[in-house]
Amino acid sequence: MQLIVILRANIARHFNSTGAWQGIANEISDVAKDFGVSTEPLHPGTPDPTLSRYFVVDRIDQSAAQRMATRLKNLPAVEVVYVKASGEAP
């Protein structure tokens, strides 16, 4: 399974203009650490501001993915979180 995390557009713009990314990244990383996983950019190195909002957690079981999604949905920086089968189209 994969967990897809999409950050809010206004948050992503805010990161670029104020350097506030670190605090929000830490919140997301803390949730990931609680589940023994890490979040990675889905489109690493992209200059596209829309695609840079997408993050992924790979190789997570469905139950843990659902619990993690519930926690991430409560973070103000997160717009969308969903679980999908690995290799499935977004």
C-alpha atoms as a PDB file:
ATOM      1  CA  MET A   1       0.000   0.000   0.000  1.00  0.00           C
ATOM      2  CA  GLN A   2       0.920   3.631  -0.406  1.00  0.00           C
ATOM      3  CA  LEU A   3      -0.239   6.680   1.474  1.00  0.00           C
ATOM      4  CA  ILE A   4      -0.435   9.850  -0.629  1.00  0.00           C
ATOM      5  CA  VAL A   5      -0.270  13.206   1.180  1.00  0.00           C
ATOM      6  CA  ILE A   6      -1.074  16.487  -0.576  1.00  0.00           C
ATOM      7  CA  LEU A   7      -0.255  19.723   1.198  1.00  0.00           C
ATOM      8  CA  ARG A   8      -2.475  22.804   0.953  1.00  0.00           C
ATOM      9  CA  ALA A   9      -1.435  25.170  -1.854  1.00  0.00           C
ATOM     10  CA  ASN A  10      -1.379  28.212   0.421  1.00  0.00           C
ATOM     11  CA  ILE A  11       0.874  26.322   2.834  1.00  0.00           C
ATOM     12  CA  ALA A  12       3.265  25.355   0.041  1.00  0.00           C
ATOM     13  CA  ARG A  13       3.479  29.014  -1.068  1.00  0.00           C
ATOM     14  CA  HIS A  14       3.995  30.042   2.559  1.00  0.00           C
ATOM     15  CA  PHE A  15       6.905  27.604   2.868  1.00  0.00           C
ATOM     16  CA  ASN A  16       8.628  29.237  -0.075  1.00  0.00           C
ATOM     17  CA  SER A  17       8.184  32.802   1.132  1.00  0.00           C
ATOM     18  CA  THR A  18       8.884  32.440   4.856  1.00  0.00           C
ATOM     19  CA  GLY A  19      10.986  29.353   5.345  1.00  0.00           C
ATOM     20  CA  ALA A  20       8.293  27.919   7.648  1.00  0.00           C
ATOM     21  CA  TRP A  21       8.616  24.532   5.961  1.00  0.00           C
ATOM     22  CA  GLN A  22      10.725  23.046   8.734  1.00  0.00           C
ATOM     23  CA  GLY A  23       8.049  23.228  11.449  1.00  0.00           C
ATOM     24  CA  ILE A  24       5.390  21.681   9.252  1.00  0.00           C
ATOM     25  CA  ALA A  25       7.784  19.068   7.889  1.00  0.00           C
ATOM     26  CA  ASN A  26       8.579  18.128  11.481  1.00  0.00           C
ATOM     27  CA  GLU A  27       4.873  17.629  12.285  1.00  0.00           C
ATOM     28  CA  ILE A  28       4.473  15.303   9.296  1.00  0.00           C
ATOM     29  CA  SER A  29       7.750  13.487  10.068  1.00  0.00           C
ATOM     30  CA  ASP A  30       6.703  12.978  13.681  1.00  0.00           C
ATOM     31  CA  VAL A  31       3.505  11.231  12.577  1.00  0.00           C
ATOM     32  CA  ALA A  32       5.472   9.105  10.106  1.00  0.00           C
ATOM     33  CA  LYS A  33       8.006   8.131  12.798  1.00  0.00           C
ATOM     34  CA  ASP A  34       5.164   6.967  15.044  1.00  0.00           C
ATOM     35  CA  PHE A  35       4.319   4.444  12.312  1.00  0.00           C
ATOM     36  CA  GLY A  36       7.932   3.512  11.553  1.00  0.00           C
ATOM     37  CA  VAL A  37       7.841   4.983   8.042  1.00  0.00           C
ATOM     38  CA  SER A  38       9.056   8.100   6.267  1.00  0.00           C
ATOM     39  CA  THR A  39       7.446  10.504   3.835  1.00  0.00           C
ATOM     40  CA  GLU A  40       9.192  11.267   0.578  1.00  0.00           C
ATOM     41  CA  PRO A  41       8.356  13.716  -2.219  1.00  0.00           C
ATOM     42  CA  LEU A  42       6.294  11.961  -4.881  1.00  0.00           C
ATOM     43  CA  HIS A  43       7.949  14.144  -7.546  1.00  0.00           C
ATOM     44  CA  PRO A  44      11.407  14.897  -6.097  1.00  0.00           C
ATOM     45  CA  GLY A  45      13.188  17.915  -7.512  1.00  0.00           C
ATOM     46  CA  THR A  46      10.232  19.170  -9.512  1.00  0.00           C
ATOM     47  CA  PRO A  47      10.049  22.921 -10.035  1.00  0.00           C
ATOM     48  CA  ASP A  48       6.267  22.634 -10.487  1.00  0.00           C
ATOM     49  CA  PRO A  49       4.579  24.131  -7.390  1.00  0.00           C
ATOM     50  CA  THR A  50       1.559  21.861  -7.780  1.00  0.00           C
ATOM     51  CA  LEU A  51       3.548  18.636  -8.013  1.00  0.00           C
ATOM     52  CA  SER A  52       5.834  19.673  -5.150  1.00  0.00           C
ATOM     53  CA  ARG A  53       2.827  19.435  -2.798  1.00  0.00           C
ATOM     54  CA  TYR A  54       2.647  15.624  -3.203  1.00  0.00           C
ATOM     55  CA  PHE A  55       4.337  13.234  -0.777  1.00  0.00           C
ATOM     56  CA  VAL A  56       4.226   9.449  -0.496  1.00  0.00           C
ATOM     57  CA  VAL A  57       4.702   6.745   2.111  1.00  0.00           C
ATOM     58  CA  ASP A  58       5.609   3.441   0.462  1.00  0.00           C
ATOM     59  CA  ARG A  59       5.241  -0.104   1.761  1.00  0.00           C
ATOM     60  CA  ILE A  60       2.796   0.523   4.583  1.00  0.00           C
ATOM     61  CA  ASP A  61       0.113  -1.992   5.495  1.00  0.00           C
ATOM     62  CA  GLN A  62      -3.499  -0.969   4.978  1.00  0.00           C
ATOM     63  CA  SER A  63      -4.427  -0.754   8.653  1.00  0.00           C
ATOM     64  CA  ALA A  64      -1.439   1.450   9.526  1.00  0.00           C
ATOM     65  CA  ALA A  65      -2.050   3.567   6.415  1.00  0.00           C
ATOM     66  CA  GLN A  66      -5.654   4.223   7.462  1.00  0.00           C
ATOM     67  CA  ARG A  67      -4.603   5.178  11.009  1.00  0.00           C
ATOM     68  CA  MET A  68      -1.805   7.393   9.748  1.00  0.00           C
ATOM     69  CA  ALA A  69      -4.149   9.076   7.256  1.00  0.00           C
ATOM     70  CA  THR A  70      -6.549   9.895  10.077  1.00  0.00           C
ATOM     71  CA  ARG A  71      -3.787  11.590  12.049  1.00  0.00           C
ATOM     72  CA  LEU A  72      -2.412  13.485   9.056  1.00  0.00           C
ATOM     73  CA  LYS A  73      -5.863  14.807   8.126  1.00  0.00           C
ATOM     74  CA  ASN A  74      -5.851  16.711  11.417  1.00  0.00           C
ATOM     75  CA  LEU A  75      -2.720  18.691  10.494  1.00  0.00           C
ATOM     76  CA  PRO A  76      -3.509  22.168   9.144  1.00  0.00           C
ATOM     77  CA  ALA A  77      -0.944  21.858   6.329  1.00  0.00           C
ATOM     78  CA  VAL A  78      -2.535  18.717   4.865  1.00  0.00           C
ATOM     79  CA  GLU A  79      -5.254  19.131   2.241  1.00  0.00           C
ATOM     80  CA  VAL A  80      -5.768  15.516   1.163  1.00  0.00           C
ATOM     81  CA  VAL A  81      -4.579  12.114   2.337  1.00  0.00           C
ATOM     82  CA  TYR A  82      -5.550   8.845   0.707  1.00  0.00           C
ATOM     83  CA  VAL A  83      -4.500   5.214   0.665  1.00  0.00           C
ATOM     84  CA  LYS A  84      -3.911   3.360  -2.605  1.00  0.00           C
ATOM     85  CA  ALA A  85      -2.476   0.071  -3.708  1.00  0.00           C
ATOM     86  CA  SER A  86       1.160   0.259  -4.812  1.00  0.00           C
ATOM     87  CA  GLY A  87       1.397   0.676  -8.569  1.00  0.00           C
ATOM     88  CA  GLU A  88      -2.210   1.834  -8.886  1.00  0.00           C
ATOM     89  CA  ALA A  89      -2.814   5.100 -10.753  1.00  0.00           C
ATOM     90  CA  PRO A  90      -3.345   8.097  -8.435  1.00  0.00           C
END
